[in-house]
PDB file of N, CA and C in Angstrom:
ATOM      1  N   MET A   1     -31.070  17.037 -17.476  1.00  0.00           N
ATOM      2  CA  MET A   1     -30.815  18.251 -18.242  1.00  0.00           C
ATOM      3  C   MET A   1     -30.433  17.859 -19.678  1.00  0.00           C
ATOM      4  N   PRO A   2     -31.094  18.403 -20.684  1.00  0.00           N
ATOM      5  CA  PRO A   2     -30.791  18.028 -22.070  1.00  0.00           C
ATOM      6  C   PRO A   2     -29.465  18.620 -22.528  1.00  0.00           C
ATOM      7  N   ARG A   3     -28.817  17.863 -23.384  1.00  0.00           N
ATOM      8  CA  ARG A   3     -27.541  18.319 -23.926  1.00  0.00           C
ATOM      9  C   ARG A   3     -27.744  19.407 -24.964  1.00  0.00           C
ATOM     10  N   LYS A   4     -26.750  20.268 -25.054  1.00  0.00           N
ATOM     11  CA  LYS A   4     -26.787  21.321 -26.061  1.00  0.00           C
ATOM     12  C   LYS A   4     -26.469  20.712 -27.423  1.00  0.00           C
ATOM     13  N   LYS A   5     -27.238  21.048 -28.434  1.00  0.00           N
ATOM     14  CA  LYS A   5     -27.009  20.496 -29.763  1.00  0.00           C
ATOM     15  C   LYS A   5     -25.763  21.128 -30.381  1.00  0.00           C
ATOM     16  N   THR A   6     -24.988  20.293 -31.042  1.00  0.00           N
ATOM     17  CA  THR A   6     -23.812  20.798 -31.748  1.00  0.00           C
ATOM     18  C   THR A   6     -24.116  20.843 -33.228  1.00  0.00           C
ATOM     19  N   ASP A   7     -23.504  21.790 -33.914  1.00  0.00           N
ATOM     20  CA  ASP A   7     -23.768  21.919 -35.342  1.00  0.00           C
ATOM     21  C   ASP A   7     -22.785  21.113 -36.191  1.00  0.00           C
ATOM     22  N   GLY A   8     -21.964  20.297 -35.554  1.00  0.00           N
ATOM     23  CA  GLY A   8     -21.063  19.424 -36.302  1.00  0.00           C
ATOM     24  C   GLY A   8     -19.741  20.056 -36.678  1.00  0.00           C
ATOM     25  N   LYS A   9     -19.552  21.338 -36.419  1.00  0.00           N
ATOM     26  CA  LYS A   9     -18.295  22.009 -36.769  1.00  0.00           C
ATOM     27  C   LYS A   9     -17.339  21.941 -35.594  1.00  0.00           C
ATOM     28  N   TYR A  10     -16.077  22.035 -35.897  1.00  0.00           N
ATOM     29  CA  TYR A  10     -15.072  21.977 -34.848  1.00  0.00           C
ATOM     30  C   TYR A  10     -13.968  22.975 -35.165  1.00  0.00           C
ATOM     31  N   LYS A  11     -13.246  23.349 -34.133  1.00  0.00           N
ATOM     32  CA  LYS A  11     -12.152  24.301 -34.308  1.00  0.00           C
ATOM     33  C   LYS A  11     -10.928  23.580 -34.853  1.00  0.00           C
ATOM     34  N   LEU A  12     -10.235  24.237 -35.770  1.00  0.00           N
ATOM     35  CA  LEU A  12      -9.008  23.683 -36.318  1.00  0.00           C
ATOM     36  C   LEU A  12      -7.848  24.050 -35.406  1.00  0.00           C
ATOM     37  N   LYS A  13      -7.067  23.066 -35.050  1.00  0.00           N
ATOM     38  CA  LYS A  13      -5.910  23.317 -34.196  1.00  0.00           C
ATOM     39  C   LYS A  13      -4.664  23.512 -35.060  1.00  0.00           C
ATOM     40  N   THR A  14      -3.852  24.469 -34.679  1.00  0.00           N
ATOM     41  CA  THR A  14      -2.615  24.756 -35.405  1.00  0.00           C
ATOM     42  C   THR A  14      -1.539  23.767 -34.986  1.00  0.00           C
ATOM     43  N   HIS A  15      -0.842  23.212 -35.980  1.00  0.00           N
ATOM     44  CA  HIS A  15       0.310  22.352 -35.713  1.00  0.00           C
ATOM     45  C   HIS A  15       1.471  23.272 -35.349  1.00  0.00           C
ATOM     46  N   LYS A  16       1.856  23.262 -34.066  1.00  0.00           N
ATOM     47  CA  LYS A  16       2.780  24.260 -33.542  1.00  0.00           C
ATOM     48  C   LYS A  16       4.171  24.188 -34.164  1.00  0.00           C
ATOM     49  N   ALA A  17       4.650  22.982 -34.472  1.00  0.00           N
ATOM     50  CA  ALA A  17       5.978  22.856 -35.088  1.00  0.00           C
ATOM     51  C   ALA A  17       5.993  23.515 -36.464  1.00  0.00           C
ATOM     52  N   THR A  18       4.894  23.367 -37.206  1.00  0.00           N
ATOM     53  CA  THR A  18       4.794  23.999 -38.521  1.00  0.00           C
ATOM     54  C   THR A  18       4.726  25.519 -38.383  1.00  0.00           C
ATOM     55  N   ALA A  19       3.970  25.994 -37.419  1.00  0.00           N
ATOM     56  CA  ALA A  19       3.829  27.441 -37.222  1.00  0.00           C
ATOM     57  C   ALA A  19       5.154  28.088 -36.846  1.00  0.00           C
ATOM     58  N   LYS A  20       6.024  27.340 -36.161  1.00  0.00           N
ATOM     59  CA  LYS A  20       7.323  27.888 -35.773  1.00  0.00           C
ATOM     60  C   LYS A  20       8.322  27.870 -36.927  1.00  0.00           C
ATOM     61  N   ARG A  21       8.152  26.958 -37.869  1.00  0.00           N
ATOM     62  CA  ARG A  21       9.125  26.811 -38.960  1.00  0.00           C
ATOM     63  C   ARG A  21       8.821  27.673 -40.175  1.00  0.00           C
ATOM     64  N   PHE A  22       7.559  28.001 -40.391  1.00  0.00           N
ATOM     65  CA  PHE A  22       7.155  28.733 -41.591  1.00  0.00           C
ATOM     66  C   PHE A  22       6.543  30.076 -41.227  1.00  0.00           C
ATOM     67  N   ARG A  23       6.584  31.006 -42.201  1.00  0.00           N
ATOM     68  CA  ARG A  23       6.035  32.337 -42.007  1.00  0.00           C
ATOM     69  C   ARG A  23       5.501  32.840 -43.343  1.00  0.00           C
ATOM     70  N   LEU A  24       4.480  33.686 -43.288  1.00  0.00           N
ATOM     71  CA  LEU A  24       3.957  34.313 -44.493  1.00  0.00           C
ATOM     72  C   LEU A  24       4.522  35.718 -44.615  1.00  0.00           C
ATOM     73  N   THR A  25       4.924  36.096 -45.817  1.00  0.00           N
ATOM     74  CA  THR A  25       5.412  37.453 -46.043  1.00  0.00           C
ATOM     75  C   THR A  25       4.226  38.378 -46.272  1.00  0.00           C
ATOM     76  N   GLY A  26       4.498  39.646 -46.415  1.00  0.00           N
ATOM     77  CA  GLY A  26       3.441  40.615 -46.662  1.00  0.00           C
ATOM     78  C   GLY A  26       2.701  40.371 -47.954  1.00  0.00           C
ATOM     79  N   SER A  27       3.402  39.852 -48.966  1.00  0.00           N
ATOM     80  CA  SER A  27       2.768  39.570 -50.252  1.00  0.00           C
ATOM     81  C   SER A  27       2.084  38.201 -50.270  1.00  0.00           C
ATOM     82  N   GLY A  28       2.143  37.475 -49.134  1.00  0.00           N
ATOM     83  CA  GLY A  28       1.471  36.180 -49.055  1.00  0.00           C
ATOM     84  C   GLY A  28       2.338  35.004 -49.448  1.00  0.00           C
ATOM     85  N   MET A  29       3.638  35.231 -49.623  1.00  0.00           N
ATOM     86  CA  MET A  29       4.544  34.149 -49.996  1.00  0.00           C
ATOM     87  C   MET A  29       4.968  33.387 -48.740  1.00  0.00           C
ATOM     88  N   LEU A  30       5.059  32.071 -48.861  1.00  0.00           N
ATOM     89  CA  LEU A  30       5.434  31.223 -47.732  1.00  0.00           C
ATOM     90  C   LEU A  30       6.949  31.075 -47.712  1.00  0.00           C
ATOM     91  N   VAL A  31       7.571  31.386 -46.569  1.00  0.00           N
ATOM     92  CA  VAL A  31       9.023  31.268 -46.442  1.00  0.00           C
ATOM     93  C   VAL A  31       9.350  30.361 -45.261  1.00  0.00           C
ATOM     94  N   ARG A  32      10.525  29.762 -45.333  1.00  0.00           N
ATOM     95  CA  ARG A  32      10.948  28.846 -44.272  1.00  0.00           C
ATOM     96  C   ARG A  32      12.362  29.193 -43.823  1.00  0.00           C
ATOM     97  N   THR A  33      12.714  28.709 -42.622  1.00  0.00           N
ATOM     98  CA  THR A  33      14.062  28.904 -42.116  1.00  0.00           C
ATOM     99  C   THR A  33      14.931  27.719 -42.526  1.00  0.00           C
ATOM    100  N   LYS A  34      16.221  27.899 -42.446  1.00  0.00           N
ATOM    101  CA  LYS A  34      17.142  26.811 -42.769  1.00  0.00           C
ATOM    102  C   LYS A  34      17.443  26.008 -41.516  1.00  0.00           C
ATOM    103  N   GLY A  35      17.749  24.742 -41.707  1.00  0.00           N
ATOM    104  CA  GLY A  35      18.086  23.886 -40.587  1.00  0.00           C
ATOM    105  C   GLY A  35      19.577  23.910 -40.317  1.00  0.00           C
ATOM    106  N   GLY A  36      20.000  23.235 -39.253  1.00  0.00           N
ATOM    107  CA  GLY A  36      21.418  23.123 -38.932  1.00  0.00           C
ATOM    108  C   GLY A  36      21.986  24.332 -38.236  1.00  0.00           C
ATOM    109  N   LYS A  37      21.153  25.037 -37.455  1.00  0.00           N
ATOM    110  CA  LYS A  37      21.625  26.245 -36.791  1.00  0.00           C
ATOM    111  C   LYS A  37      21.799  26.072 -35.292  1.00  0.00           C
ATOM    112  N   SER A  38      21.520  24.893 -34.766  1.00  0.00           N
ATOM    113  CA  SER A  38      21.454  24.760 -33.316  1.00  0.00           C
ATOM    114  C   SER A  38      22.804  24.496 -32.656  1.00  0.00           C
ATOM    115  N   HIS A  39      23.555  23.511 -33.130  1.00  0.00           N
ATOM    116  CA  HIS A  39      24.822  23.209 -32.462  1.00  0.00           C
ATOM    117  C   HIS A  39      25.838  22.707 -33.496  1.00  0.00           C
ATOM    118  N   LEU A  40      27.084  22.463 -33.035  1.00  0.00           N
ATOM    119  CA  LEU A  40      28.215  22.062 -33.888  1.00  0.00           C
ATOM    120  C   LEU A  40      28.511  23.107 -34.965  1.00  0.00           C
ATOM    121  N   ARG A  41      28.481  24.374 -34.566  1.00  0.00           N
ATOM    122  CA  ARG A  41      28.734  25.448 -35.520  1.00  0.00           C
ATOM    123  C   ARG A  41      30.094  26.103 -35.329  1.00  0.00           C
ATOM    124  N   ARG A  42      30.895  25.546 -34.435  1.00  0.00           N
ATOM    125  CA  ARG A  42      32.182  26.166 -34.171  1.00  0.00           C
ATOM    126  C   ARG A  42      33.118  26.040 -35.374  1.00  0.00           C
ATOM    127  N   ARG A  43      33.004  24.926 -36.077  1.00  0.00           N
ATOM    128  CA  ARG A  43      33.902  24.691 -37.212  1.00  0.00           C
ATOM    129  C   ARG A  43      33.434  25.377 -38.493  1.00  0.00           C
ATOM    130  N   THR A  44      32.151  25.708 -38.588  1.00  0.00           N
ATOM    131  CA  THR A  44      31.644  26.284 -39.837  1.00  0.00           C
ATOM    132  C   THR A  44      32.136  27.718 -40.005  1.00  0.00           C
ATOM    133  N   SER A  45      32.284  28.107 -41.260  1.00  0.00           N
ATOM    134  CA  SER A  45      32.807  29.436 -41.550  1.00  0.00           C
ATOM    135  C   SER A  45      31.749  30.503 -41.268  1.00  0.00           C
ATOM    136  N   LYS A  46      32.224  31.744 -41.147  1.00  0.00           N
ATOM    137  CA  LYS A  46      31.307  32.852 -40.865  1.00  0.00           C
ATOM    138  C   LYS A  46      30.340  33.057 -42.025  1.00  0.00           C
ATOM    139  N   ARG A  47      30.823  32.808 -43.225  1.00  0.00           N
ATOM    140  CA  ARG A  47      29.970  32.964 -44.408  1.00  0.00           C
ATOM    141  C   ARG A  47      28.829  31.955 -44.384  1.00  0.00           C
ATOM    142  N   THR A  48      29.133  30.719 -44.037  1.00  0.00           N
ATOM    143  CA  THR A  48      28.115  29.684 -43.964  1.00  0.00           C
ATOM    144  C   THR A  48      27.091  30.004 -42.889  1.00  0.00           C
ATOM    145  N   LYS A  49      27.561  30.483 -41.737  1.00  0.00           N
ATOM    146  CA  LYS A  49      26.658  30.839 -40.646  1.00  0.00           C
ATOM    147  C   LYS A  49      25.756  32.004 -41.046  1.00  0.00           C
ATOM    148  N   ARG A  50      26.312  32.955 -41.794  1.00  0.00           N
ATOM    149  CA  ARG A  50      25.520  34.089 -42.254  1.00  0.00           C
ATOM    150  C   ARG A  50      24.455  33.642 -43.249  1.00  0.00           C
ATOM    151  N   LEU A  51      24.808  32.660 -44.104  1.00  0.00           N
ATOM    152  CA  LEU A  51      23.849  32.150 -45.088  1.00  0.00           C
ATOM    153  C   LEU A  51      22.717  31.370 -44.427  1.00  0.00           C
ATOM    154  N   LEU A  52      22.974  30.820 -43.243  1.00  0.00           N
ATOM    155  CA  LEU A  52      21.936  30.070 -42.535  1.00  0.00           C
ATOM    156  C   LEU A  52      20.861  30.980 -41.956  1.00  0.00           C
ATOM    157  N   GLN A  53      21.136  32.282 -41.853  1.00  0.00           N
ATOM    158  CA  GLN A  53      20.185  33.205 -41.230  1.00  0.00           C
ATOM    159  C   GLN A  53      19.007  33.541 -42.136  1.00  0.00           C
ATOM    160  N   GLU A  54      19.213  33.499 -43.460  1.00  0.00           N
ATOM    161  CA  GLU A  54      18.176  34.002 -44.354  1.00  0.00           C
ATOM    162  C   GLU A  54      17.020  33.012 -44.528  1.00  0.00           C
ATOM    163  N   MET A  55      15.863  33.547 -44.876  1.00  0.00           N
ATOM    164  CA  MET A  55      14.658  32.756 -45.110  1.00  0.00           C
ATOM    165  C   MET A  55      14.581  32.394 -46.590  1.00  0.00           C
ATOM    166  N   ILE A  56      14.083  31.200 -46.871  1.00  0.00           N
ATOM    167  CA  ILE A  56      13.993  30.710 -48.242  1.00  0.00           C
ATOM    168  C   ILE A  56      12.521  30.572 -48.623  1.00  0.00           C
ATOM    169  N   PRO A  57      12.126  31.042 -49.808  1.00  0.00           N
ATOM    170  CA  PRO A  57      10.732  30.832 -50.228  1.00  0.00           C
ATOM    171  C   PRO A  57      10.467  29.359 -50.518  1.00  0.00           C
ATOM    172  N   VAL A  58       9.286  28.898 -50.126  1.00  0.00           N
ATOM    173  CA  VAL A  58       8.890  27.511 -50.372  1.00  0.00           C
ATOM    174  C   VAL A  58       8.327  27.438 -51.787  1.00  0.00           C
ATOM    175  N   LYS A  59       8.832  26.470 -52.575  1.00  0.00           N
ATOM    176  CA  LYS A  59       8.468  26.413 -53.987  1.00  0.00           C
ATOM    177  C   LYS A  59       7.421  25.358 -54.312  1.00  0.00           C
ATOM    178  N   GLY A  60       7.487  24.200 -53.664  1.00  0.00           N
ATOM    179  CA  GLY A  60       6.601  23.104 -54.028  1.00  0.00           C
ATOM    180  C   GLY A  60       5.144  23.369 -53.689  1.00  0.00           C
ATOM    181  N   ARG A  61       4.249  23.154 -54.669  1.00  0.00           N
ATOM    182  CA  ARG A  61       2.827  23.399 -54.439  1.00  0.00           C
ATOM    183  C   ARG A  61       2.254  22.472 -53.387  1.00  0.00           C
ATOM    184  N   GLY A  62       2.715  21.206 -53.385  1.00  0.00           N
ATOM    185  CA  GLY A  62       2.212  20.236 -52.422  1.00  0.00           C
ATOM    186  C   GLY A  62       2.606  20.578 -51.000  1.00  0.00           C
ATOM    187  N   ILE A  63       3.839  21.078 -50.837  1.00  0.00           N
ATOM    188  CA  ILE A  63       4.314  21.451 -49.503  1.00  0.00           C
ATOM    189  C   ILE A  63       3.551  22.674 -48.996  1.00  0.00           C
ATOM    190  N   ILE A  64       3.310  23.637 -49.885  1.00  0.00           N
ATOM    191  CA  ILE A  64       2.559  24.833 -49.506  1.00  0.00           C
ATOM    192  C   ILE A  64       1.152  24.447 -49.058  1.00  0.00           C
ATOM    193  N   LYS A  65       0.545  23.517 -49.801  1.00  0.00           N
ATOM    194  CA  LYS A  65      -0.799  23.049 -49.471  1.00  0.00           C
ATOM    195  C   LYS A  65      -0.818  22.370 -48.098  1.00  0.00           C
ATOM    196  N   ARG A  66       0.200  21.554 -47.833  1.00  0.00           N
ATOM    197  CA  ARG A  66       0.284  20.842 -46.556  1.00  0.00           C
ATOM    198  C   ARG A  66       0.487  21.805 -45.398  1.00  0.00           C
ATOM    199  N   VAL A  67       1.336  22.821 -45.594  1.00  0.00           N
ATOM    200  CA  VAL A  67       1.594  23.792 -44.534  1.00  0.00           C
ATOM    201  C   VAL A  67       0.323  24.578 -44.215  1.00  0.00           C
ATOM    202  N   HIS A  68      -0.434  24.967 -45.248  1.00  0.00           N
ATOM    203  CA  HIS A  68      -1.680  25.695 -45.017  1.00  0.00           C
ATOM    204  C   HIS A  68      -2.715  24.832 -44.314  1.00  0.00           C
ATOM    205  N   ARG A  69      -2.659  23.531 -44.556  1.00  0.00           N
ATOM    206  CA  ARG A  69      -3.584  22.618 -43.873  1.00  0.00           C
ATOM    207  C   ARG A  69      -3.185  22.431 -42.406  1.00  0.00           C
ATOM    208  N   LEU A  70      -1.870  22.339 -42.143  1.00  0.00           N
ATOM    209  CA  LEU A  70      -1.394  22.141 -40.780  1.00  0.00           C
ATOM    210  C   LEU A  70      -1.498  23.413 -39.940  1.00  0.00           C
ATOM    211  N   ALA A  71      -1.278  24.550 -40.561  1.00  0.00           N
ATOM    212  CA  ALA A  71      -1.348  25.832 -39.838  1.00  0.00           C
ATOM    213  C   ALA A  71      -2.293  26.772 -40.571  1.00  0.00           C
ATOM    214  N   PRO A  72      -3.607  26.565 -40.401  1.00  0.00           N
ATOM    215  CA  PRO A  72      -4.565  27.403 -41.159  1.00  0.00           C
ATOM    216  C   PRO A  72      -4.576  28.856 -40.708  1.00  0.00           C
ATOM    217  N   ASN A  73      -4.168  29.125 -39.483  1.00  0.00           N
ATOM    218  CA  ASN A  73      -4.194  30.486 -38.955  1.00  0.00           C
ATOM    219  C   ASN A  73      -2.822  31.130 -38.973  1.00  0.00           C
ATOM    220  N   LEU A  74      -2.002  30.739 -39.956  1.00  0.00           N
ATOM    221  CA  LEU A  74      -0.637  31.257 -40.041  1.00  0.00           C
ATOM    222  C   LEU A  74      -0.679  32.764 -40.279  1.00  0.00           C
ATOM    223  N   GLU A  75       0.058  33.506 -39.443  1.00  0.00           N
ATOM    224  CA  GLU A  75       0.049  34.957 -39.535  1.00  0.00           C
ATOM    225  C   GLU A  75       1.336  35.459 -40.167  1.00  0.00           C
ATOM    226  N   LYS A  76       1.299  36.730 -40.542  1.00  0.00           N
ATOM    227  CA  LYS A  76       2.467  37.344 -41.162  1.00  0.00           C
ATOM    228  C   LYS A  76       3.513  37.645 -40.141  1.00  0.00           C
TER     229      LYS A  76
END
């Protein structure tokens, strides 16, 4: 039985760790979460914990380019 010819294209796989860390806003801006939220938070102040909740816009052009390459199907 002859093999089916392939056209040389392949599906891009999403880097799951990147997809979980970054998000696109409605205007297309890339935002990220802050680190240090998992454990050892008993001593930190309530203000610091509240500041850890907010998303920060990603500024570096190189980082934005890398994130789009790792997660091409990033959704809003």
